[in-house]
Amino acid sequence: MKSWLRKLIILVGTVSIIVVILFSPLLFYIFNSNYYLALYEKNGVYDHINKDDALKLTGQLFDFFKENKEFKPFVLKNNLPYFTQSEISHLEDVRILFNKIFLAYYICLGLTIVSIASLIEKNKKKFLKSISILLIIPSAILIFLLLLLYLFGQNFLPLFDKFHTIFFPQGNFAFPADSTLITLLPLGFFTDFFEKLVMSASIISFVLIVTGISISITLKKYFK
């Protein structure tokens, strides 16, 4: 394989792996009901919303995001109203964003597989060297970016607001503190979710770096 082609494949693989590592934890936790229940408990959601109502609302959210099912209003306990039309409108925007993220993830997952397959060749030393580079570089870049993101995330509210401003420029994401959507998903919920995603992506990156370094050491030891 020509040198320029290998470099191009590694470049494409680097970008695609960064996206895959970054979004893999999101896809794992975004529809994990047990994780939601743990965050509800931690953030005192059940102090304001009946647990059965919270579970029912969460199930409707999952069905809305995954299967495009319409919300079915019901009477909540504790005198809470059902989601308003403005809240549902924002959730529709969130669903569109999720669909874009999922599409980008699966495209990049495909590109990652193709990149690795394209690097396969008879010369095992060159192949393993390329794989080690493909594991180390994107993981190192992502750990650096995640560290910056984590540091900025220490003051989470401005980061959260900036995220909404960028990805929801049409607005309609500000609701009263006592709204049902905010009561179910308070700021603390998103803070914990954000930290979990950053930590999970960092662990994946660390494991890949260690694997890449191990391959590199093996190369030096057995392919002199």
Protein backbone atom coordinates (compact mmCIF):
# COMPACT_ATOMS: atom_id res chain seq x y z
CA MET A 1 0.00 0.00 0.00
CA LYS A 2 1.27 3.45 -0.90
CA SER A 3 2.31 5.72 1.94
CA TRP A 4 -0.12 8.54 1.07
CA LEU A 5 -3.05 6.12 0.94
CA ARG A 6 -2.18 4.65 4.33
CA LYS A 7 -1.98 8.14 5.81
CA LEU A 8 -5.35 9.06 4.29
CA ILE A 9 -6.95 5.91 5.70
CA ILE A 10 -5.48 6.61 9.13
CA LEU A 11 -6.75 10.20 8.96
CA VAL A 12 -10.29 9.07 8.10
CA GLY A 13 -10.08 6.36 10.75
CA THR A 14 -8.87 8.87 13.34
CA VAL A 15 -11.84 11.18 12.82
CA SER A 16 -14.33 8.31 12.73
CA ILE A 17 -12.92 6.66 15.88
CA ILE A 18 -13.14 9.95 17.79
CA VAL A 19 -16.83 10.18 16.91
CA VAL A 20 -17.45 6.52 17.79
CA ILE A 21 -15.72 6.80 21.18
CA LEU A 22 -17.47 10.06 21.96
CA PHE A 23 -20.97 8.86 21.14
CA SER A 24 -20.78 5.21 22.26
CA PRO A 25 -21.49 6.05 25.93
CA LEU A 26 -24.36 8.29 24.84
CA LEU A 27 -25.99 5.49 22.85
CA PHE A 28 -25.53 3.13 25.80
CA TYR A 29 -27.04 5.41 28.47
CA ILE A 30 -29.55 7.50 26.51
CA PHE A 31 -32.26 4.81 26.68
CA ASN A 32 -31.05 3.04 29.82
CA SER A 33 -34.07 3.20 32.11
CA ASN A 34 -32.17 1.88 35.14
CA TYR A 35 -29.68 4.71 34.82
CA TYR A 36 -32.49 7.25 34.62
CA LEU A 37 -34.06 5.82 37.78
CA ALA A 38 -30.75 6.14 39.60
CA LEU A 39 -30.41 9.77 38.52
CA TYR A 40 -34.02 10.51 39.52
CA GLU A 41 -33.29 9.12 42.97
CA LYS A 42 -30.02 11.03 43.29
CA ASN A 43 -31.53 14.35 42.19
CA GLY A 44 -34.68 14.15 44.30
CA VAL A 45 -37.09 13.89 41.38
CA TYR A 46 -39.40 11.63 43.37
CA ASP A 47 -39.85 14.40 45.92
CA HIS A 48 -41.87 16.28 43.31
CA ILE A 49 -43.11 13.64 40.87
CA ASN A 50 -44.81 10.41 41.84
CA LYS A 51 -42.48 7.51 41.00
CA ASP A 52 -45.07 5.71 38.84
CA ASP A 53 -45.73 8.95 36.95
CA ALA A 54 -41.99 9.47 36.45
CA LEU A 55 -41.64 5.94 35.06
CA LYS A 56 -44.59 6.44 32.74
CA LEU A 57 -43.26 9.79 31.47
CA THR A 58 -39.82 8.27 30.91
CA GLY A 59 -41.33 5.39 28.94
CA GLN A 60 -43.21 7.87 26.76
CA LEU A 61 -40.01 9.85 26.19
CA PHE A 62 -38.19 6.70 25.07
CA ASP A 63 -41.04 5.71 22.74
CA PHE A 64 -41.13 9.25 21.34
CA PHE A 65 -37.40 9.35 20.64
CA LYS A 66 -36.96 5.76 19.41
CA GLU A 67 -40.22 5.02 17.61
CA ASN A 68 -41.69 8.49 16.93
CA LYS A 69 -44.75 7.58 18.99
CA GLU A 70 -46.99 10.46 19.95
CA PHE A 71 -47.32 11.45 23.60
CA LYS A 72 -50.48 10.26 25.34
CA PRO A 73 -51.46 12.77 28.04
CA PHE A 74 -52.58 11.43 31.42
CA VAL A 75 -53.42 12.90 34.81
CA LEU A 76 -50.35 13.17 37.01
CA LYS A 77 -50.43 13.07 40.78
CA ASN A 78 -49.14 15.95 42.95
CA ASN A 79 -51.17 18.42 40.85
CA LEU A 80 -48.54 18.42 38.11
CA PRO A 81 -49.65 19.20 34.55
CA TYR A 82 -48.74 17.00 31.62
CA PHE A 83 -46.10 18.17 29.13
CA THR A 84 -47.17 21.42 27.48
CA GLN A 85 -47.12 21.89 23.71
CA SER A 86 -43.97 24.04 24.00
CA GLU A 87 -42.22 21.28 25.96
CA ILE A 88 -43.21 18.70 23.36
CA SER A 89 -42.01 21.07 20.61
CA HIS A 90 -38.58 21.21 22.25
CA LEU A 91 -38.54 17.42 22.60
CA GLU A 92 -39.22 17.18 18.87
CA ASP A 93 -36.10 19.30 18.27
CA VAL A 94 -34.17 17.01 20.61
CA ARG A 95 -35.37 13.97 18.67
CA ILE A 96 -34.10 15.52 15.42
CA LEU A 97 -30.71 16.13 17.07
CA PHE A 98 -30.61 12.54 18.37
CA ASN A 99 -31.35 11.20 14.88
CA LYS A 100 -28.45 13.22 13.47
CA ILE A 101 -26.14 11.96 16.20
CA PHE A 102 -27.18 8.34 15.63
CA LEU A 103 -26.69 8.74 11.88
CA ALA A 104 -23.23 10.26 12.37
CA TYR A 105 -22.34 7.49 14.82
CA TYR A 106 -23.27 4.62 12.50
CA ILE A 107 -21.60 6.25 9.51
CA CYS A 108 -18.40 6.70 11.51
CA LEU A 109 -18.66 3.16 12.88
CA GLY A 110 -18.81 1.93 9.30
CA LEU A 111 -15.86 4.11 8.32
CA THR A 112 -13.88 2.77 11.27
CA ILE A 113 -14.48 -0.82 10.21
CA VAL A 114 -13.62 0.00 6.59
CA SER A 115 -10.46 1.85 7.66
CA ILE A 116 -9.22 -1.09 9.73
CA ALA A 117 -10.07 -3.56 6.96
CA SER A 118 -8.30 -1.37 4.38
CA LEU A 119 -5.08 -1.43 6.40
CA ILE A 120 -4.86 -5.23 6.32
CA GLU A 121 -1.89 -6.43 4.30
CA LYS A 122 0.60 -9.30 4.15
CA ASN A 123 3.29 -7.28 5.89
CA LYS A 124 2.22 -7.83 9.52
CA LYS A 125 4.65 -5.24 10.85
CA LYS A 126 3.18 -2.43 8.74
CA PHE A 127 -0.37 -3.57 9.52
CA LEU A 128 0.18 -3.67 13.29
CA LYS A 129 2.02 -0.36 13.21
CA SER A 130 -0.90 1.25 11.39
CA ILE A 131 -3.38 -0.25 13.88
CA SER A 132 -1.36 0.99 16.85
CA ILE A 133 -1.33 4.50 15.37
CA LEU A 134 -5.06 4.26 14.67
CA LEU A 135 -5.69 3.39 18.30
CA ILE A 136 -3.31 5.86 19.95
CA ILE A 137 -3.77 9.10 18.00
CA PRO A 138 -7.59 9.51 18.13
CA SER A 139 -7.72 8.34 21.74
CA ALA A 140 -5.01 10.79 22.80
CA ILE A 141 -6.72 13.64 20.96
CA LEU A 142 -10.06 12.78 22.54
CA ILE A 143 -8.65 12.52 26.07
CA PHE A 144 -7.23 16.03 25.64
CA LEU A 145 -10.56 17.35 24.35
CA LEU A 146 -12.50 15.56 27.09
CA LEU A 147 -10.20 17.02 29.72
CA LEU A 148 -10.94 20.51 28.40
CA LEU A 149 -14.65 19.72 28.26
CA TYR A 150 -14.58 18.41 31.83
CA LEU A 151 -12.79 21.54 33.06
CA PHE A 152 -15.34 23.78 31.34
CA GLY A 153 -18.07 21.52 32.69
CA GLN A 154 -17.12 22.36 36.27
CA ASN A 155 -19.30 25.41 35.71
CA PHE A 156 -21.98 23.38 34.00
CA LEU A 157 -24.84 25.86 33.66
CA PRO A 158 -23.09 28.22 31.16
CA LEU A 159 -21.91 25.18 29.18
CA PHE A 160 -25.46 23.77 29.20
CA ASP A 161 -26.89 27.10 28.04
CA LYS A 162 -24.25 27.40 25.30
CA PHE A 163 -25.08 23.90 24.10
CA HIS A 164 -28.75 24.80 23.74
CA THR A 165 -27.95 28.07 22.01
CA ILE A 166 -25.79 26.29 19.42
CA PHE A 167 -27.96 23.24 18.74
CA PHE A 168 -31.38 24.82 19.25
CA PRO A 169 -31.00 28.28 17.66
CA GLN A 170 -34.75 28.39 17.12
CA GLY A 171 -35.14 28.85 20.89
CA ASN A 172 -38.11 27.24 22.70
CA PHE A 173 -35.82 25.54 25.26
CA ALA A 174 -36.43 27.78 28.28
CA PHE A 175 -39.15 26.65 30.70
CA PRO A 176 -40.28 27.65 34.20
CA ALA A 177 -38.47 25.90 37.04
CA ASP A 178 -41.72 24.22 38.10
CA SER A 179 -42.56 22.89 34.62
CA THR A 180 -43.01 19.12 34.36
CA LEU A 181 -40.08 18.70 31.94
CA ILE A 182 -37.67 20.56 34.24
CA THR A 183 -39.03 18.77 37.30
CA LEU A 184 -38.47 15.39 35.65
CA LEU A 185 -35.09 16.32 34.16
CA PRO A 186 -33.50 18.95 36.44
CA LEU A 187 -30.09 20.49 35.85
CA GLY A 188 -28.51 17.99 38.25
CA PHE A 189 -29.72 15.16 36.02
CA PHE A 190 -27.87 16.60 33.02
CA THR A 191 -24.79 17.42 35.10
CA ASP A 192 -24.51 13.80 36.25
CA PHE A 193 -25.26 12.53 32.74
CA PHE A 194 -22.57 14.79 31.27
CA GLU A 195 -19.97 13.62 33.80
CA LYS A 196 -20.87 9.98 33.12
CA LEU A 197 -20.43 10.42 29.37
CA VAL A 198 -17.09 12.20 29.76
CA MET A 199 -15.79 9.58 32.19
CA SER A 200 -16.97 6.65 30.04
CA ALA A 201 -15.44 8.09 26.85
CA SER A 202 -12.19 8.75 28.76
CA ILE A 203 -12.04 5.14 29.96
CA ILE A 204 -12.60 3.82 26.43
CA SER A 205 -9.89 6.15 25.12
CA PHE A 206 -7.46 5.07 27.85
CA VAL A 207 -8.05 1.38 27.09
CA LEU A 208 -7.43 1.98 23.37
CA ILE A 209 -4.24 3.93 24.09
CA VAL A 210 -2.93 1.13 26.31
CA THR A 211 -3.82 -1.39 23.60
CA GLY A 212 -2.08 0.69 20.94
CA ILE A 213 1.04 1.10 23.08
CA SER A 214 1.06 -2.64 23.80
CA ILE A 215 0.94 -3.38 20.08
CA SER A 216 3.78 -0.90 19.50
CA ILE A 217 5.91 -2.53 22.22
CA THR A 218 5.20 -5.96 20.74
CA LEU A 219 6.34 -4.69 17.36
CA LYS A 220 9.65 -3.49 18.73
CA LYS A 221 10.16 -6.75 20.61
CA TYR A 222 9.25 -9.31 17.97
CA PHE A 223 9.64 -7.43 14.65
CA LYS A 224 13.12 -5.98 14.91
